[in-house]
Amino acid sequence: AYSAGFETHRVFLPKPAAPPEISDFQKPGVYKAEPEASDMIGDAVPFKSPELAAEFIKEIAHRYGATLVAITKTNPDWIYTEGWRGCPEDYDFSEMPAHWEYAIVVGVPMEWDTVMSSPQGSTSYEGYDRSSTAALRLENCLKYLGYPARTHSPFANYDLLVPPHAIEAGLGEVGRTGYCITPELGGNCRMAIVTTNLPMAIDRPIHFGVEEFCKKCKLCAESCPSGAISMVPEYDGMVLRGYEHWYINNGACYNFWRESLGPMGCRLCVATCPFSRKDNWLHDLARTVEPR
């Protein structure tokens, strides 16, 4: 019942009804396949500098409900090669839309006690709902300022991959689990992206020892009931789209999830990760000392 309360919100969240070149330029609240001229956004409001634009976006994203926010350039390597929302089957998916220049990555945690009740007693919907809502609010704000924007989120669906953009934006590092592990929340972070062409100062990748830690830890792999997480110490040779990282057997994870655990799912890799811990003096001390 708790999880369903968040999932109910999903049907009310809007989704693009036209290709990016059309839908991303429609006014807030307008989602038409064939919009009229009056449905489109106006001239862009200029900012004094990319740095001030980034500062504004981060503050407003926090006010909209984001716990973490960072900015990077959108990478064409991490765009899905087909099936973008609102696009016909014969749409040309080979080129990233020019206005998807920047990716604003927002993240929120799932409730810690819920995560620690994995498997079956936990839910991702609370994080999905909050990150999706924060991103859609940010999308509408950008459009009011005259900038095209598109939300990529759990409940509004994605046209691109989130973890590599989050890592490139400096929110965290990739871990053995294959997703982004952040200094503040560990793997307990549900993320969304807003693509836009507002010129902003971008953030840089960070390094706080996750890769070195994951090589020795393996708690997530040992606790994974489907065996989807690799146990090998090094990911040398594990290449996806030209990037090396530990490989996750997505089919094994998904099949075990659906066949054995039902809709509430697992998340044991999040719960067992030493980086996924509440803020208190003991865990804060460990987070401060471990990278050093």
C-alpha atoms as a PDB file:
ATOM      1  CA  ALA A   1       0.000   0.000   0.000  1.00  0.00           C
ATOM      2  CA  TYR A   2       2.870   2.354   0.817  1.00  0.00           C
ATOM      3  CA  SER A   3       4.532   1.684  -2.527  1.00  0.00           C
ATOM      4  CA  ALA A   4       1.267   2.030  -4.449  1.00  0.00           C
ATOM      5  CA  GLY A   5       0.784   5.517  -3.042  1.00  0.00           C
ATOM      6  CA  PHE A   6       3.835   6.657  -4.990  1.00  0.00           C
ATOM      7  CA  GLU A   7       3.045   4.590  -8.076  1.00  0.00           C
ATOM      8  CA  THR A   8      -0.412   6.187  -8.331  1.00  0.00           C
ATOM      9  CA  HIS A   9       1.240   9.503  -9.172  1.00  0.00           C
ATOM     10  CA  ARG A  10       2.848   7.920 -12.216  1.00  0.00           C
ATOM     11  CA  VAL A  11      -0.239   8.111 -14.441  1.00  0.00           C
ATOM     12  CA  PHE A  12      -0.492  11.865 -13.903  1.00  0.00           C
ATOM     13  CA  LEU A  13       3.053  12.678 -15.001  1.00  0.00           C
ATOM     14  CA  PRO A  14       3.123  14.001 -18.600  1.00  0.00           C
ATOM     15  CA  LYS A  15       5.182  12.465 -21.386  1.00  0.00           C
ATOM     16  CA  PRO A  16       6.292  13.864 -24.772  1.00  0.00           C
ATOM     17  CA  ALA A  17       3.761  13.360 -27.567  1.00  0.00           C
ATOM     18  CA  ALA A  18       6.045  14.515 -30.411  1.00  0.00           C
ATOM     19  CA  PRO A  19       9.729  14.211 -31.422  1.00  0.00           C
ATOM     20  CA  PRO A  20      12.298  16.274 -29.461  1.00  0.00           C
ATOM     21  CA  GLU A  21      12.442  18.987 -32.123  1.00  0.00           C
ATOM     22  CA  ILE A  22       8.757  19.682 -31.426  1.00  0.00           C
ATOM     23  CA  SER A  23       7.829  18.521 -27.928  1.00  0.00           C
ATOM     24  CA  ASP A  24      10.882  19.985 -26.173  1.00  0.00           C
ATOM     25  CA  PHE A  25       9.952  23.438 -27.495  1.00  0.00           C
ATOM     26  CA  GLN A  26       6.319  23.339 -26.360  1.00  0.00           C
ATOM     27  CA  LYS A  27       5.143  25.510 -23.503  1.00  0.00           C
ATOM     28  CA  PRO A  28       4.860  23.983 -20.024  1.00  0.00           C
ATOM     29  CA  GLY A  29       1.761  21.840 -19.783  1.00  0.00           C
ATOM     30  CA  VAL A  30       1.427  21.494 -23.574  1.00  0.00           C
ATOM     31  CA  TYR A  31       1.933  17.948 -24.869  1.00  0.00           C
ATOM     32  CA  LYS A  32       0.568  17.847 -28.400  1.00  0.00           C
ATOM     33  CA  ALA A  33       1.560  15.755 -31.391  1.00  0.00           C
ATOM     34  CA  GLU A  34       0.747  18.662 -33.713  1.00  0.00           C
ATOM     35  CA  PRO A  35       1.033  21.929 -31.747  1.00  0.00           C
ATOM     36  CA  GLU A  36       0.106  25.372 -33.013  1.00  0.00           C
ATOM     37  CA  ALA A  37       2.450  28.374 -33.022  1.00  0.00           C
ATOM     38  CA  SER A  38       0.866  29.652 -29.806  1.00  0.00           C
ATOM     39  CA  ASP A  39       1.839  26.388 -28.068  1.00  0.00           C
ATOM     40  CA  MET A  40       5.583  26.996 -28.449  1.00  0.00           C
ATOM     41  CA  ILE A  41       7.970  28.618 -25.973  1.00  0.00           C
ATOM     42  CA  GLY A  42       9.139  32.210 -26.494  1.00  0.00           C
ATOM     43  CA  ASP A  43      12.578  33.785 -26.634  1.00  0.00           C
ATOM     44  CA  ALA A  44      15.187  32.586 -24.166  1.00  0.00           C
ATOM     45  CA  VAL A  45      15.934  34.743 -21.135  1.00  0.00           C
ATOM     46  CA  PRO A  46      19.714  35.363 -21.111  1.00  0.00           C
ATOM     47  CA  PHE A  47      21.890  34.696 -18.073  1.00  0.00           C
ATOM     48  CA  LYS A  48      24.889  36.847 -17.247  1.00  0.00           C
ATOM     49  CA  SER A  49      27.244  33.848 -17.350  1.00  0.00           C
ATOM     50  CA  PRO A  50      27.218  30.028 -17.569  1.00  0.00           C
ATOM     51  CA  GLU A  51      28.388  29.931 -13.952  1.00  0.00           C
ATOM     52  CA  LEU A  52      25.371  31.924 -12.734  1.00  0.00           C
ATOM     53  CA  ALA A  53      23.072  29.789 -14.862  1.00  0.00           C
ATOM     54  CA  ALA A  54      24.445  26.622 -13.246  1.00  0.00           C
ATOM     55  CA  GLU A  55      24.116  28.163  -9.781  1.00  0.00           C
ATOM     56  CA  PHE A  56      20.483  29.055 -10.469  1.00  0.00           C
ATOM     57  CA  ILE A  57      19.637  25.609 -11.863  1.00  0.00           C
ATOM     58  CA  LYS A  58      21.165  23.822  -8.872  1.00  0.00           C
ATOM     59  CA  GLU A  59      19.373  25.976  -6.325  1.00  0.00           C
ATOM     60  CA  ILE A  60      16.030  25.676  -8.079  1.00  0.00           C
ATOM     61  CA  ALA A  61      16.460  21.908  -8.491  1.00  0.00           C
ATOM     62  CA  HIS A  62      16.985  21.560  -4.741  1.00  0.00           C
ATOM     63  CA  ARG A  63      13.863  23.611  -4.119  1.00  0.00           C
ATOM     64  CA  TYR A  64      11.963  21.309  -6.476  1.00  0.00           C
ATOM     65  CA  GLY A  65      12.924  18.292  -4.366  1.00  0.00           C
ATOM     66  CA  ALA A  66      16.319  17.120  -5.639  1.00  0.00           C
ATOM     67  CA  THR A  67      18.828  15.975  -3.015  1.00  0.00           C
ATOM     68  CA  LEU A  68      21.766  15.896  -5.433  1.00  0.00           C
ATOM     69  CA  VAL A  69      22.206  17.833  -8.682  1.00  0.00           C
ATOM     70  CA  ALA A  70      25.081  18.180 -11.143  1.00  0.00           C
ATOM     71  CA  ILE A  71      25.560  19.233 -14.767  1.00  0.00           C
ATOM     72  CA  THR A  72      27.481  17.747 -17.674  1.00  0.00           C
ATOM     73  CA  LYS A  73      27.474  17.754 -21.474  1.00  0.00           C
ATOM     74  CA  THR A  74      25.134  15.167 -22.975  1.00  0.00           C
ATOM     75  CA  ASN A  75      27.157  12.350 -24.555  1.00  0.00           C
ATOM     76  CA  PRO A  76      25.814  10.813 -27.803  1.00  0.00           C
ATOM     77  CA  ASP A  77      27.416   7.490 -26.769  1.00  0.00           C
ATOM     78  CA  TRP A  78      24.860   7.226 -23.991  1.00  0.00           C
ATOM     79  CA  ILE A  79      21.701   7.888 -25.996  1.00  0.00           C
ATOM     80  CA  TYR A  80      19.340   5.038 -26.842  1.00  0.00           C
ATOM     81  CA  THR A  81      19.578   4.101 -30.507  1.00  0.00           C
ATOM     82  CA  GLU A  82      15.813   3.866 -31.050  1.00  0.00           C
ATOM     83  CA  GLY A  83      12.417   4.371 -29.476  1.00  0.00           C
ATOM     84  CA  TRP A  84      12.613   7.973 -28.274  1.00  0.00           C
ATOM     85  CA  ARG A  85       9.296   9.137 -26.882  1.00  0.00           C
ATOM     86  CA  GLY A  86       6.953  10.817 -29.324  1.00  0.00           C
ATOM     87  CA  CYS A  87       8.951   9.704 -32.366  1.00  0.00           C
ATOM     88  CA  PRO A  88       7.525   7.718 -35.309  1.00  0.00           C
ATOM     89  CA  GLU A  89       9.151   4.458 -36.323  1.00  0.00           C
ATOM     90  CA  ASP A  90      10.848   6.053 -39.333  1.00  0.00           C
ATOM     91  CA  TYR A  91      12.463   8.814 -37.228  1.00  0.00           C
ATOM     92  CA  ASP A  92      16.232   9.239 -37.670  1.00  0.00           C
ATOM     93  CA  PHE A  93      17.726   8.133 -34.348  1.00  0.00           C
ATOM     94  CA  SER A  94      21.316   8.308 -35.596  1.00  0.00           C
ATOM     95  CA  GLU A  95      21.862  11.932 -34.547  1.00  0.00           C
ATOM     96  CA  MET A  96      21.388  13.392 -31.078  1.00  0.00           C
ATOM     97  CA  PRO A  97      19.150  16.492 -31.182  1.00  0.00           C
ATOM     98  CA  ALA A  98      21.317  19.613 -31.142  1.00  0.00           C
ATOM     99  CA  HIS A  99      19.415  21.141 -28.213  1.00  0.00           C
ATOM    100  CA  TRP A 100      20.205  18.157 -25.969  1.00  0.00           C
ATOM    101  CA  GLU A 101      23.510  19.887 -25.320  1.00  0.00           C
ATOM    102  CA  TYR A 102      23.490  19.754 -21.510  1.00  0.00           C
ATOM    103  CA  ALA A 103      22.325  17.077 -19.088  1.00  0.00           C
ATOM    104  CA  ILE A 104      21.152  18.202 -15.643  1.00  0.00           C
ATOM    105  CA  VAL A 105      21.270  15.150 -13.374  1.00  0.00           C
ATOM    106  CA  VAL A 106      19.115  15.134 -10.239  1.00  0.00           C
ATOM    107  CA  GLY A 107      19.030  12.429  -7.571  1.00  0.00           C
ATOM    108  CA  VAL A 108      17.027  11.553  -4.465  1.00  0.00           C
ATOM    109  CA  PRO A 109      17.412   8.741  -1.917  1.00  0.00           C
ATOM    110  CA  MET A 110      14.899   6.053  -1.198  1.00  0.00           C
ATOM    111  CA  GLU A 111      13.932   5.868   2.494  1.00  0.00           C
ATOM    112  CA  TRP A 112      16.747   4.124   4.331  1.00  0.00           C
ATOM    113  CA  ASP A 113      14.527   1.851   6.419  1.00  0.00           C
ATOM    114  CA  THR A 114      12.687   0.757   3.301  1.00  0.00           C
ATOM    115  CA  VAL A 115      15.939  -0.084   1.513  1.00  0.00           C
ATOM    116  CA  MET A 116      17.166  -2.094   4.479  1.00  0.00           C
ATOM    117  CA  SER A 117      14.010  -4.239   4.349  1.00  0.00           C
ATOM    118  CA  SER A 118      15.120  -5.730   1.027  1.00  0.00           C
ATOM    119  CA  PRO A 119      14.178  -8.074  -0.488  1.00  0.00           C
ATOM    120  CA  GLN A 120      10.411  -7.851  -0.950  1.00  0.00           C
ATOM    121  CA  GLY A 121       9.762  -5.337   1.827  1.00  0.00           C
ATOM    122  CA  SER A 122      11.371  -2.505  -0.121  1.00  0.00           C
ATOM    123  CA  THR A 123      10.253  -0.336  -3.027  1.00  0.00           C
ATOM    124  CA  SER A 124      11.888   1.978  -5.561  1.00  0.00           C
ATOM    125  CA  TYR A 125       8.700   3.880  -6.322  1.00  0.00           C
ATOM    126  CA  GLU A 126       9.227   6.490  -3.612  1.00  0.00           C
ATOM    127  CA  GLY A 127      12.562   7.431  -5.203  1.00  0.00           C
ATOM    128  CA  TYR A 128      11.187   7.135  -8.731  1.00  0.00           C
ATOM    129  CA  ASP A 129       8.295   9.460  -7.917  1.00  0.00           C
ATOM    130  CA  ARG A 130      10.404  12.102  -6.212  1.00  0.00           C
ATOM    131  CA  SER A 131      13.143  12.227  -8.844  1.00  0.00           C
ATOM    132  CA  SER A 132      10.601  12.270 -11.679  1.00  0.00           C
ATOM    133  CA  THR A 133       8.623  15.078 -10.060  1.00  0.00           C
ATOM    134  CA  ALA A 134      11.722  17.183  -9.373  1.00  0.00           C
ATOM    135  CA  ALA A 135      12.903  16.763 -12.970  1.00  0.00           C
ATOM    136  CA  LEU A 136       9.530  17.662 -14.490  1.00  0.00           C
ATOM    137  CA  ARG A 137       9.349  20.778 -12.351  1.00  0.00           C
ATOM    138  CA  LEU A 138      12.801  21.743 -13.570  1.00  0.00           C
ATOM    139  CA  GLU A 139      11.785  21.074 -17.189  1.00  0.00           C
ATOM    140  CA  ASN A 140       8.816  23.427 -16.885  1.00  0.00           C
ATOM    141  CA  CYS A 141      10.962  26.122 -15.253  1.00  0.00           C
ATOM    142  CA  LEU A 142      13.418  25.977 -18.164  1.00  0.00           C
ATOM    143  CA  LYS A 143      10.598  26.242 -20.675  1.00  0.00           C
ATOM    144  CA  TYR A 144       9.163  29.281 -18.894  1.00  0.00           C
ATOM    145  CA  LEU A 145      12.600  30.844 -19.358  1.00  0.00           C
ATOM    146  CA  GLY A 146      12.435  30.064 -23.089  1.00  0.00           C
ATOM    147  CA  TYR A 147      14.770  27.051 -23.192  1.00  0.00           C
ATOM    148  CA  PRO A 148      13.795  23.682 -24.694  1.00  0.00           C
ATOM    149  CA  ALA A 149      13.858  20.859 -22.181  1.00  0.00           C
ATOM    150  CA  ARG A 150      12.994  17.190 -21.882  1.00  0.00           C
ATOM    151  CA  THR A 151      12.743  15.055 -18.740  1.00  0.00           C
ATOM    152  CA  HIS A 152      14.285  11.576 -18.700  1.00  0.00           C
ATOM    153  CA  SER A 153      13.109   9.869 -15.510  1.00  0.00           C
ATOM    154  CA  PRO A 154      11.813   6.573 -14.090  1.00  0.00           C
ATOM    155  CA  PHE A 155       8.157   7.580 -14.306  1.00  0.00           C
ATOM    156  CA  ALA A 156       8.376   9.775 -17.425  1.00  0.00           C
ATOM    157  CA  ASN A 157      10.641   7.212 -19.174  1.00  0.00           C
ATOM    158  CA  TYR A 158      14.116   7.688 -20.665  1.00  0.00           C
ATOM    159  CA  ASP A 159      15.661   8.370 -24.050  1.00  0.00           C
ATOM    160  CA  LEU A 160      19.196   8.086 -22.666  1.00  0.00           C
ATOM    161  CA  LEU A 161      21.293   6.300 -20.053  1.00  0.00           C
ATOM    162  CA  VAL A 162      21.482   7.998 -16.665  1.00  0.00           C
ATOM    163  CA  PRO A 163      24.396   6.357 -14.729  1.00  0.00           C
ATOM    164  CA  PRO A 164      27.242   7.355 -17.093  1.00  0.00           C
ATOM    165  CA  HIS A 165      25.963  10.935 -17.266  1.00  0.00           C
ATOM    166  CA  ALA A 166      25.742  11.030 -13.464  1.00  0.00           C
ATOM    167  CA  ILE A 167      29.317   9.785 -13.185  1.00  0.00           C
ATOM    168  CA  GLU A 168      30.577  12.256 -15.792  1.00  0.00           C
ATOM    169  CA  ALA A 169      28.766  15.048 -13.920  1.00  0.00           C
ATOM    170  CA  GLY A 170      30.654  14.186 -10.737  1.00  0.00           C
ATOM    171  CA  LEU A 171      27.815  12.769  -8.653  1.00  0.00           C
ATOM    172  CA  GLY A 172      29.768   9.595  -7.974  1.00  0.00           C
ATOM    173  CA  GLU A 173      31.731   6.674  -9.385  1.00  0.00           C
ATOM    174  CA  VAL A 174      30.718   3.457 -11.088  1.00  0.00           C
ATOM    175  CA  GLY A 175      30.901   0.478  -8.761  1.00  0.00           C
ATOM    176  CA  ARG A 176      30.834  -3.293  -9.034  1.00  0.00           C
ATOM    177  CA  THR A 177      27.046  -3.003  -9.146  1.00  0.00           C
ATOM    178  CA  GLY A 178      27.234  -1.132 -12.462  1.00  0.00           C
ATOM    179  CA  TYR A 179      25.389   1.944 -11.237  1.00  0.00           C
ATOM    180  CA  CYS A 180      26.557   5.261  -9.798  1.00  0.00           C
ATOM    181  CA  ILE A 181      27.715   5.217  -6.171  1.00  0.00           C
ATOM    182  CA  THR A 182      27.660   8.676  -4.602  1.00  0.00           C
ATOM    183  CA  PRO A 183      29.645   9.924  -1.586  1.00  0.00           C
ATOM    184  CA  GLU A 184      26.482  11.108   0.180  1.00  0.00           C
ATOM    185  CA  LEU A 185      24.010   8.315  -0.559  1.00  0.00           C
ATOM    186  CA  GLY A 186      26.027   5.394  -1.855  1.00  0.00           C
ATOM    187  CA  GLY A 187      23.936   3.409  -4.320  1.00  0.00           C
ATOM    188  CA  ASN A 188      20.711   4.494  -2.625  1.00  0.00           C
ATOM    189  CA  CYS A 189      20.037   7.196  -5.205  1.00  0.00           C
ATOM    190  CA  ARG A 190      17.285   7.307  -7.816  1.00  0.00           C
ATOM    191  CA  MET A 191      18.166   9.681 -10.653  1.00  0.00           C
ATOM    192  CA  ALA A 192      16.625  11.622 -13.510  1.00  0.00           C
ATOM    193  CA  ILE A 193      17.983  13.903 -16.230  1.00  0.00           C
ATOM    194  CA  VAL A 194      16.732  17.059 -17.902  1.00  0.00           C
ATOM    195  CA  THR A 195      18.303  17.795 -21.297  1.00  0.00           C
ATOM    196  CA  THR A 196      18.419  21.401 -22.489  1.00  0.00           C
ATOM    197  CA  ASN A 197      20.553  23.941 -24.356  1.00  0.00           C
ATOM    198  CA  LEU A 198      20.844  26.522 -21.571  1.00  0.00           C
ATOM    199  CA  PRO A 199      24.594  27.342 -21.476  1.00  0.00           C
ATOM    200  CA  MET A 200      25.837  26.258 -18.040  1.00  0.00           C
ATOM    201  CA  ALA A 201      29.148  25.652 -16.325  1.00  0.00           C
ATOM    202  CA  ILE A 202      29.635  21.888 -16.155  1.00  0.00           C
ATOM    203  CA  ASP A 203      30.865  19.790 -13.253  1.00  0.00           C
ATOM    204  CA  ARG A 204      33.818  17.414 -13.333  1.00  0.00           C
ATOM    205  CA  PRO A 205      34.098  13.708 -12.476  1.00  0.00           C
ATOM    206  CA  ILE A 206      35.173  12.848  -8.944  1.00  0.00           C
ATOM    207  CA  HIS A 207      37.250  10.075  -7.424  1.00  0.00           C
ATOM    208  CA  PHE A 208      36.766   8.971  -3.832  1.00  0.00           C
ATOM    209  CA  GLY A 209      38.009   5.389  -3.902  1.00  0.00           C
ATOM    210  CA  VAL A 210      34.935   3.409  -4.997  1.00  0.00           C
ATOM    211  CA  GLU A 211      36.727   1.393  -7.679  1.00  0.00           C
ATOM    212  CA  GLU A 212      39.547   0.358  -5.347  1.00  0.00           C
ATOM    213  CA  PHE A 213      37.045  -0.503  -2.617  1.00  0.00           C
ATOM    214  CA  CYS A 214      34.833  -2.556  -4.956  1.00  0.00           C
ATOM    215  CA  LYS A 215      37.788  -4.636  -6.134  1.00  0.00           C
ATOM    216  CA  LYS A 216      38.161  -6.035  -2.616  1.00  0.00           C
ATOM    217  CA  CYS A 217      34.647  -5.827  -1.146  1.00  0.00           C
ATOM    218  CA  LYS A 218      32.303  -8.020  -3.254  1.00  0.00           C
ATOM    219  CA  LEU A 219      29.492  -7.876  -0.663  1.00  0.00           C
ATOM    220  CA  CYS A 220      26.951  -6.994  -3.341  1.00  0.00           C
ATOM    221  CA  ALA A 221      28.024  -9.922  -5.534  1.00  0.00           C
ATOM    222  CA  GLU A 222      27.969 -12.332  -2.591  1.00  0.00           C
ATOM    223  CA  SER A 223      24.487 -11.224  -1.543  1.00  0.00           C
ATOM    224  CA  CYS A 224      22.980 -11.188  -5.061  1.00  0.00           C
ATOM    225  CA  PRO A 225      20.533 -14.121  -5.192  1.00  0.00           C
ATOM    226  CA  SER A 226      20.605 -14.219  -9.013  1.00  0.00           C
ATOM    227  CA  GLY A 227      24.392 -14.193  -9.384  1.00  0.00           C
ATOM    228  CA  ALA A 228      24.076 -11.225 -11.742  1.00  0.00           C
ATOM    229  CA  ILE A 229      26.986  -9.264 -10.261  1.00  0.00           C
ATOM    230  CA  SER A 230      30.492 -10.254 -11.273  1.00  0.00           C
ATOM    231  CA  MET A 231      32.874 -11.615  -8.640  1.00  0.00           C
ATOM    232  CA  VAL A 232      36.059 -10.947 -10.640  1.00  0.00           C
ATOM    233  CA  PRO A 233      38.427  -8.487  -8.939  1.00  0.00           C
ATOM    234  CA  GLU A 234      39.247  -6.584 -12.144  1.00  0.00           C
ATOM    235  CA  TYR A 235      36.914  -5.529 -14.955  1.00  0.00           C
ATOM    236  CA  ASP A 236      39.638  -5.636 -17.607  1.00  0.00           C
ATOM    237  CA  GLY A 237      38.090  -6.686 -20.893  1.00  0.00           C
ATOM    238  CA  MET A 238      34.511  -5.971 -19.813  1.00  0.00           C
ATOM    239  CA  VAL A 239      33.677  -3.406 -22.479  1.00  0.00           C
ATOM    240  CA  LEU A 240      30.245  -1.945 -23.207  1.00  0.00           C
ATOM    241  CA  ARG A 241      29.908   0.756 -25.880  1.00  0.00           C
ATOM    242  CA  GLY A 242      33.641   1.283 -25.678  1.00  0.00           C
ATOM    243  CA  TYR A 243      33.712   1.813 -21.895  1.00  0.00           C
ATOM    244  CA  GLU A 244      35.206  -0.593 -19.371  1.00  0.00           C
ATOM    245  CA  HIS A 245      33.325  -1.437 -16.190  1.00  0.00           C
ATOM    246  CA  TRP A 246      32.086  -4.480 -14.297  1.00  0.00           C
ATOM    247  CA  TYR A 247      29.432  -6.312 -16.288  1.00  0.00           C
ATOM    248  CA  ILE A 248      25.988  -6.937 -14.809  1.00  0.00           C
ATOM    249  CA  ASN A 249      23.913  -9.819 -16.138  1.00  0.00           C
ATOM    250  CA  ASN A 250      20.742  -7.803 -16.545  1.00  0.00           C
ATOM    251  CA  GLY A 251      18.736 -10.795 -17.735  1.00  0.00           C
ATOM    252  CA  ALA A 252      19.577 -12.843 -14.644  1.00  0.00           C
ATOM    253  CA  CYS A 253      18.754  -9.912 -12.353  1.00  0.00           C
ATOM    254  CA  TYR A 254      15.439  -9.136 -14.021  1.00  0.00           C
ATOM    255  CA  ASN A 255      14.307 -12.751 -14.409  1.00  0.00           C
ATOM    256  CA  PHE A 256      15.016 -13.632 -10.779  1.00  0.00           C
ATOM    257  CA  TRP A 257      13.330 -10.425  -9.663  1.00  0.00           C
ATOM    258  CA  ARG A 258      10.124 -11.093 -11.586  1.00  0.00           C
ATOM    259  CA  GLU A 259       9.956 -14.872 -11.154  1.00  0.00           C
ATOM    260  CA  SER A 260      10.939 -15.132  -7.498  1.00  0.00           C
ATOM    261  CA  LEU A 261      10.210 -11.847  -5.774  1.00  0.00           C
ATOM    262  CA  GLY A 262       7.282 -10.303  -7.631  1.00  0.00           C
ATOM    263  CA  PRO A 263       6.692  -6.590  -8.144  1.00  0.00           C
ATOM    264  CA  MET A 264       8.303  -5.458  -4.879  1.00  0.00           C
ATOM    265  CA  GLY A 265      11.672  -6.750  -5.982  1.00  0.00           C
ATOM    266  CA  CYS A 266      15.110  -7.132  -4.437  1.00  0.00           C
ATOM    267  CA  ARG A 267      17.623  -4.228  -4.053  1.00  0.00           C
ATOM    268  CA  LEU A 268      19.961  -6.317  -1.891  1.00  0.00           C
ATOM    269  CA  CYS A 269      22.943  -4.832  -3.763  1.00  0.00           C
ATOM    270  CA  VAL A 270      21.883  -1.373  -2.557  1.00  0.00           C
ATOM    271  CA  ALA A 271      21.181  -2.520   0.990  1.00  0.00           C
ATOM    272  CA  THR A 272      24.447  -4.432   1.457  1.00  0.00           C
ATOM    273  CA  CYS A 273      26.747  -1.810  -0.103  1.00  0.00           C
ATOM    274  CA  PRO A 274      28.890  -0.234   2.659  1.00  0.00           C
ATOM    275  CA  PHE A 275      28.494   3.168   0.991  1.00  0.00           C
ATOM    276  CA  SER A 276      24.689   3.010   1.364  1.00  0.00           C
ATOM    277  CA  ARG A 277      24.324   4.094   4.958  1.00  0.00           C
ATOM    278  CA  LYS A 278      22.422   6.757   6.877  1.00  0.00           C
ATOM    279  CA  ASP A 279      24.013  10.004   7.986  1.00  0.00           C
ATOM    280  CA  ASN A 280      25.290   9.579  11.526  1.00  0.00           C
ATOM    281  CA  TRP A 281      28.616  10.099  13.276  1.00  0.00           C
ATOM    282  CA  LEU A 282      29.852   6.531  12.754  1.00  0.00           C
ATOM    283  CA  HIS A 283      29.065   6.302   9.040  1.00  0.00           C
ATOM    284  CA  ASP A 284      30.197   9.880   8.401  1.00  0.00           C
ATOM    285  CA  LEU A 285      33.522   9.054  10.045  1.00  0.00           C
ATOM    286  CA  ALA A 286      33.929   5.949   7.882  1.00  0.00           C
ATOM    287  CA  ARG A 287      33.057   7.878   4.727  1.00  0.00           C
ATOM    288  CA  THR A 288      35.651  10.516   5.606  1.00  0.00           C
ATOM    289  CA  VAL A 289      38.464   8.102   6.506  1.00  0.00           C
ATOM    290  CA  GLU A 290      38.003   5.338   3.901  1.00  0.00           C
ATOM    291  CA  PRO A 291      39.050   7.285   0.766  1.00  0.00           C
ATOM    292  CA  ARG A 292      42.170   8.438   2.581  1.00  0.00           C
END
